[in-house]
Every structure is written in C-alpha cells, then in structure tokens.
Amino acid sequence: MQYAYPAIFFPDDDCVGVYFYDAENWLTFGRTFKEAIENAQDVLKFALESAKQDNEKIPAPTPLKNVELKKNQSVMMIYADISEIESVGA
C-alpha cells in the first residue's frame, strides 16, 4: 500500500530540516533539499513499517490544503510504499 504524508521543510543552520505534519517525531534533515527529500522518504517508510509490525495505529494524513506553515517553512507530499512488509505479514 502506498501512503502520502505532508512533510514540512525548514532551514536549520547549514541544512534543511524535515518533520511530518501528522507525526512530529518523524524527523530528519539533509545537507541539500534533494537529500532532505530522500531522507524524508526513508523516515516515512521506516516509521510506517515499524507501526505496522508493532500493530500501532497509523495517523491519517492531513490534506495538503489544511497544512499550516510558519515563516520560512515549505510543504510537500512524501510518498512511501510498504507493500512488501504488508505482504510478508499477511
């Protein structure tokens, strides 16, 4: 199954910080914006896989239009496919 969550990007010293709007403890960073996106994809996949394996509730993603940003923040949807883990657990 493919999931999509809004990720918040913000400048943080000499890197780009990232956290997920619906789960602020899902966070990462990158030295470049591209690296931050790639790391965000990894974090999202890992967080979702861990939640599935532990039978934890996965939060519903907030629609992009409802995301509230602070100064110097931007948002984009990050996608993760965890079909492999779901088929193993079936």
Protein backbone atom coordinates (compact mmCIF):
# COMPACT_ATOMS: atom_id res chain seq x y z
CA MET A 1 0.00 0.00 0.00
CA GLN A 2 1.22 3.46 -0.81
CA TYR A 3 0.98 6.26 1.75
CA ALA A 4 1.42 10.01 1.33
CA TYR A 5 2.05 12.48 4.13
CA PRO A 6 2.78 16.20 4.16
CA ALA A 7 6.36 16.93 5.19
CA ILE A 8 7.43 20.33 6.47
CA PHE A 9 10.82 21.59 5.26
CA PHE A 10 12.64 24.40 7.04
CA PRO A 11 16.12 25.94 7.10
CA ASP A 12 18.18 24.75 10.07
CA ASP A 13 21.70 26.17 10.32
CA ASP A 14 23.53 24.77 7.29
CA CYS A 15 20.99 22.07 6.40
CA VAL A 16 17.32 21.52 5.59
CA GLY A 17 15.24 20.13 8.45
CA VAL A 18 12.16 17.99 7.86
CA TYR A 19 9.31 16.79 10.04
CA PHE A 20 5.99 15.25 9.19
CA TYR A 21 2.94 17.36 9.97
CA ASP A 22 0.96 14.42 11.35
CA ALA A 23 3.78 12.93 13.44
CA GLU A 24 6.37 15.46 14.56
CA ASN A 25 8.60 12.69 15.93
CA TRP A 26 9.13 11.50 12.33
CA LEU A 27 12.01 13.84 11.52
CA THR A 28 15.20 14.09 9.54
CA PHE A 29 17.37 16.55 7.67
CA GLY A 30 19.62 16.85 4.64
CA ARG A 31 22.56 18.98 3.56
CA THR A 32 20.59 19.84 0.42
CA PHE A 33 16.88 19.99 -0.35
CA LYS A 34 17.21 16.88 -2.53
CA GLU A 35 18.92 14.95 0.26
CA ALA A 36 16.25 16.11 2.73
CA ILE A 37 13.53 14.72 0.43
CA GLU A 38 15.32 11.39 0.08
CA ASN A 39 15.84 11.14 3.84
CA ALA A 40 12.18 12.05 4.45
CA GLN A 41 11.12 9.18 2.17
CA ASP A 42 13.31 6.80 4.18
CA VAL A 43 11.97 8.05 7.51
CA LEU A 44 8.37 7.76 6.38
CA LYS A 45 8.85 4.22 5.09
CA PHE A 46 10.65 3.14 8.28
CA ALA A 47 8.02 4.76 10.55
CA LEU A 48 5.13 3.14 8.69
CA GLU A 49 6.81 -0.26 8.57
CA SER A 50 7.55 -0.08 12.29
CA ALA A 51 3.98 0.92 13.11
CA LYS A 52 2.59 -1.95 11.00
CA GLN A 53 4.93 -4.52 12.59
CA ASP A 54 4.06 -3.29 16.09
CA ASN A 55 0.30 -3.14 15.29
CA GLU A 56 0.27 0.57 16.11
CA LYS A 57 -2.29 2.93 14.69
CA ILE A 58 -1.02 4.88 11.70
CA PRO A 59 -2.16 8.51 11.79
CA ALA A 60 -4.36 9.75 8.98
CA PRO A 61 -2.56 12.21 6.72
CA THR A 62 -3.68 15.82 6.80
CA PRO A 63 -4.79 17.11 3.38
CA LEU A 64 -2.14 19.40 1.92
CA LYS A 65 -4.59 22.32 1.76
CA ASN A 66 -5.08 22.11 5.56
CA VAL A 67 -1.38 22.28 6.48
CA GLU A 68 -0.47 25.44 8.35
CA LEU A 69 3.05 26.74 7.82
CA LYS A 70 5.25 29.03 9.86
CA LYS A 71 7.71 31.56 8.48
CA ASN A 72 10.41 30.02 6.25
CA GLN A 73 8.65 26.66 6.00
CA SER A 74 7.51 24.83 2.89
CA VAL A 75 5.49 21.66 2.48
CA MET A 76 5.38 18.79 0.03
CA MET A 77 3.82 15.36 0.00
CA ILE A 78 6.20 12.48 0.65
CA TYR A 79 5.26 9.01 -0.56
CA ALA A 80 6.17 5.58 0.80
CA ASP A 81 5.18 2.15 -0.43
CA ILE A 82 5.14 -0.53 2.26
CA SER A 83 3.53 -3.28 0.17
CA GLU A 84 6.48 -5.58 0.84
CA ILE A 85 6.02 -5.51 4.62
CA GLU A 86 2.25 -5.89 4.30
CA SER A 87 2.56 -8.95 2.07
CA VAL A 88 5.02 -10.57 4.48
CA GLY A 89 2.60 -10.05 7.40
CA ALA A 90 -0.37 -11.46 5.51
